[in-house]
Amino acid sequence: YLALLSAAPEPASATIDAPLRREEIGRESYMRVVAFDAPGAQGSQSKYRTLASGQEGAVVELEPLTGRMHQLRVHMAHIGRPLIGDVRYGGALTTAVGPAPRLMLHAARLSFPHPEGGTTTVEAPPPEDFAKLRTALGL
């Protein structure tokens, strides 16, 4: 995955190991980081690596090592670097160069086992709105 952030994470790359638990408010579900021994805690790990950074933001590569709902979004918010446009988990709707068109997260490459053996990998370039904002941010 690729994501745009308002600021670069510190350190520039790391693995986040922070358990998550599903919370519900009315009909809305979200995830939150909890203690390892909290009731309902599910182990959750994500890797990130900063690809480019500048005064206006950063682009990072994200890899979920487990598969929890909203995992990448929650983990980045947990380290104080929510994704641009992610209002649910604290991301800004506006940037130094204007409004965010949406949540700035893109599945650039997915790999999965093929039913007849081997691995299938699908790659997709970032959509135009993602690429334009990345360029505008100088990344």
Protein backbone atom coordinates (compact mmCIF):
# COMPACT_ATOMS: atom_id res chain seq x y z
CA TYR A 1 0.00 0.00 0.00
CA LEU A 2 0.98 3.63 -0.48
CA ALA A 3 -0.22 6.43 1.79
CA LEU A 4 0.18 10.19 2.00
CA LEU A 5 0.83 11.71 5.43
CA SER A 6 0.98 15.31 6.63
CA ALA A 7 4.44 14.68 8.14
CA ALA A 8 7.11 12.00 7.97
CA PRO A 9 7.08 9.31 10.66
CA GLU A 10 10.00 8.86 13.05
CA PRO A 11 11.86 6.63 12.60
CA ALA A 12 11.71 6.53 8.80
CA SER A 13 10.85 2.81 8.84
CA ALA A 14 9.67 0.41 11.51
CA THR A 15 7.30 -2.37 12.44
CA ILE A 16 4.34 -1.36 14.58
CA ASP A 17 3.21 -4.07 17.01
CA ALA A 18 0.01 -2.79 18.61
CA PRO A 19 -3.04 -4.97 19.35
CA LEU A 20 -6.41 -3.79 18.07
CA ARG A 21 -9.97 -4.24 19.28
CA ARG A 22 -13.21 -3.49 17.45
CA GLU A 23 -15.37 -0.85 19.11
CA GLU A 24 -18.95 0.04 18.20
CA ILE A 25 -20.85 3.26 18.69
CA GLY A 26 -24.38 2.86 17.42
CA ARG A 27 -24.09 1.39 13.95
CA GLU A 28 -20.51 2.61 13.47
CA SER A 29 -17.55 0.24 13.91
CA TYR A 30 -13.98 1.31 14.32
CA MET A 31 -10.75 -0.14 15.65
CA ARG A 32 -8.56 1.13 18.44
CA VAL A 33 -5.20 0.22 19.92
CA VAL A 34 -5.48 -1.56 23.27
CA ALA A 35 -3.13 -3.22 25.77
CA PHE A 36 -1.83 -6.67 24.83
CA ASP A 37 -3.85 -8.24 27.68
CA ALA A 38 -7.07 -6.24 27.12
CA PRO A 39 -10.28 -8.23 26.59
CA GLY A 40 -10.87 -8.73 22.88
CA ALA A 41 -7.35 -7.62 21.90
CA GLN A 42 -6.19 -9.04 18.57
CA GLY A 43 -2.49 -9.13 17.74
CA SER A 44 -1.73 -6.72 14.92
CA GLN A 45 1.50 -5.78 13.17
CA SER A 46 2.22 -3.39 10.30
CA LYS A 47 5.44 -2.36 8.58
CA TYR A 48 6.02 1.09 7.16
CA ARG A 49 8.83 2.66 5.16
CA THR A 50 9.13 6.32 4.19
CA LEU A 51 9.66 6.65 0.44
CA ALA A 52 9.83 10.45 0.27
CA SER A 53 9.33 13.33 2.66
CA GLY A 54 9.36 17.10 2.61
CA GLN A 55 8.06 20.09 4.52
CA GLU A 56 4.48 19.49 3.36
CA GLY A 57 4.19 15.75 3.96
CA ALA A 58 5.44 12.25 3.28
CA VAL A 59 4.65 9.23 1.17
CA VAL A 60 5.03 5.87 2.88
CA GLU A 61 4.85 2.25 1.85
CA LEU A 62 2.67 0.22 4.23
CA GLU A 63 2.50 -3.55 4.66
CA PRO A 64 -0.02 -5.25 6.93
CA LEU A 65 1.51 -8.33 8.55
CA THR A 66 -1.89 -9.28 9.97
CA GLY A 67 -5.32 -8.56 8.53
CA ARG A 68 -7.40 -6.44 10.88
CA MET A 69 -10.08 -3.96 9.84
CA HIS A 70 -8.56 -0.48 9.31
CA GLN A 71 -5.24 -1.82 10.63
CA LEU A 72 -2.91 0.40 8.59
CA ARG A 73 -4.97 3.50 9.29
CA VAL A 74 -5.14 2.86 13.04
CA HIS A 75 -1.46 1.97 13.35
CA MET A 76 -0.32 5.14 11.58
CA ALA A 77 -2.66 7.25 13.72
CA HIS A 78 -1.27 5.44 16.80
CA ILE A 79 2.25 6.71 16.04
CA GLY A 80 0.93 10.22 15.47
CA ARG A 81 0.93 10.13 11.66
CA PRO A 82 -2.66 9.60 10.46
CA LEU A 83 -3.28 9.38 6.74
CA ILE A 84 -4.29 12.54 4.91
CA GLY A 85 -8.07 12.56 4.52
CA ASP A 86 -8.70 9.92 7.21
CA VAL A 87 -11.14 11.83 9.41
CA ARG A 88 -12.18 8.69 11.31
CA TYR A 89 -8.68 8.26 12.72
CA GLY A 90 -7.50 11.86 12.97
CA GLY A 91 -6.24 12.69 9.48
CA ALA A 92 -6.54 16.20 8.09
CA LEU A 93 -9.09 17.05 5.40
CA THR A 94 -6.89 19.87 4.17
CA THR A 95 -3.21 20.01 3.36
CA ALA A 96 -0.72 22.82 2.89
CA VAL A 97 -1.65 22.79 -0.82
CA GLY A 98 -5.43 22.49 -0.51
CA PRO A 99 -8.19 20.01 0.34
CA ALA A 100 -7.66 16.26 0.36
CA PRO A 101 -9.95 14.68 -2.25
CA ARG A 102 -10.38 11.51 -0.14
CA LEU A 103 -8.55 9.13 2.18
CA MET A 104 -5.05 8.97 0.69
CA LEU A 105 -4.45 5.22 0.80
CA HIS A 106 -3.78 3.16 -2.34
CA ALA A 107 -3.41 -0.61 -2.78
CA ALA A 108 -0.44 -0.49 -5.16
CA ARG A 109 0.34 -4.22 -5.09
CA LEU A 110 -1.53 -7.23 -3.76
CA SER A 111 -0.28 -10.82 -3.75
CA PHE A 112 -2.30 -13.88 -2.89
CA PRO A 113 -2.15 -17.66 -3.38
CA HIS A 114 -3.56 -18.80 -6.71
CA PRO A 115 -6.07 -21.68 -6.33
CA GLU A 116 -4.11 -23.79 -8.83
CA GLY A 117 -0.76 -23.14 -7.14
CA GLY A 118 1.77 -20.36 -7.03
CA THR A 119 1.18 -16.73 -6.21
CA THR A 120 -0.76 -14.13 -8.12
CA THR A 121 0.38 -10.52 -7.89
CA VAL A 122 -1.70 -7.59 -9.08
CA GLU A 123 -0.22 -4.11 -9.39
CA ALA A 124 -1.99 -0.80 -9.96
CA PRO A 125 -0.52 2.67 -10.39
CA PRO A 126 -1.82 5.37 -8.04
CA PRO A 127 -5.01 7.04 -9.26
CA GLU A 128 -4.83 10.55 -10.67
CA ASP A 129 -6.03 12.32 -7.50
CA PHE A 130 -3.39 10.54 -5.39
CA ALA A 131 -0.62 11.29 -7.89
CA LYS A 132 -1.64 14.95 -8.22
CA LEU A 133 -1.67 15.52 -4.45
CA ARG A 134 1.67 13.73 -4.08
CA THR A 135 3.19 15.99 -6.73
CA ALA A 136 1.62 19.12 -5.23
CA LEU A 137 3.13 18.19 -1.85
CA GLY A 138 6.55 17.91 -3.51
CA LEU A 139 6.84 14.19 -2.92
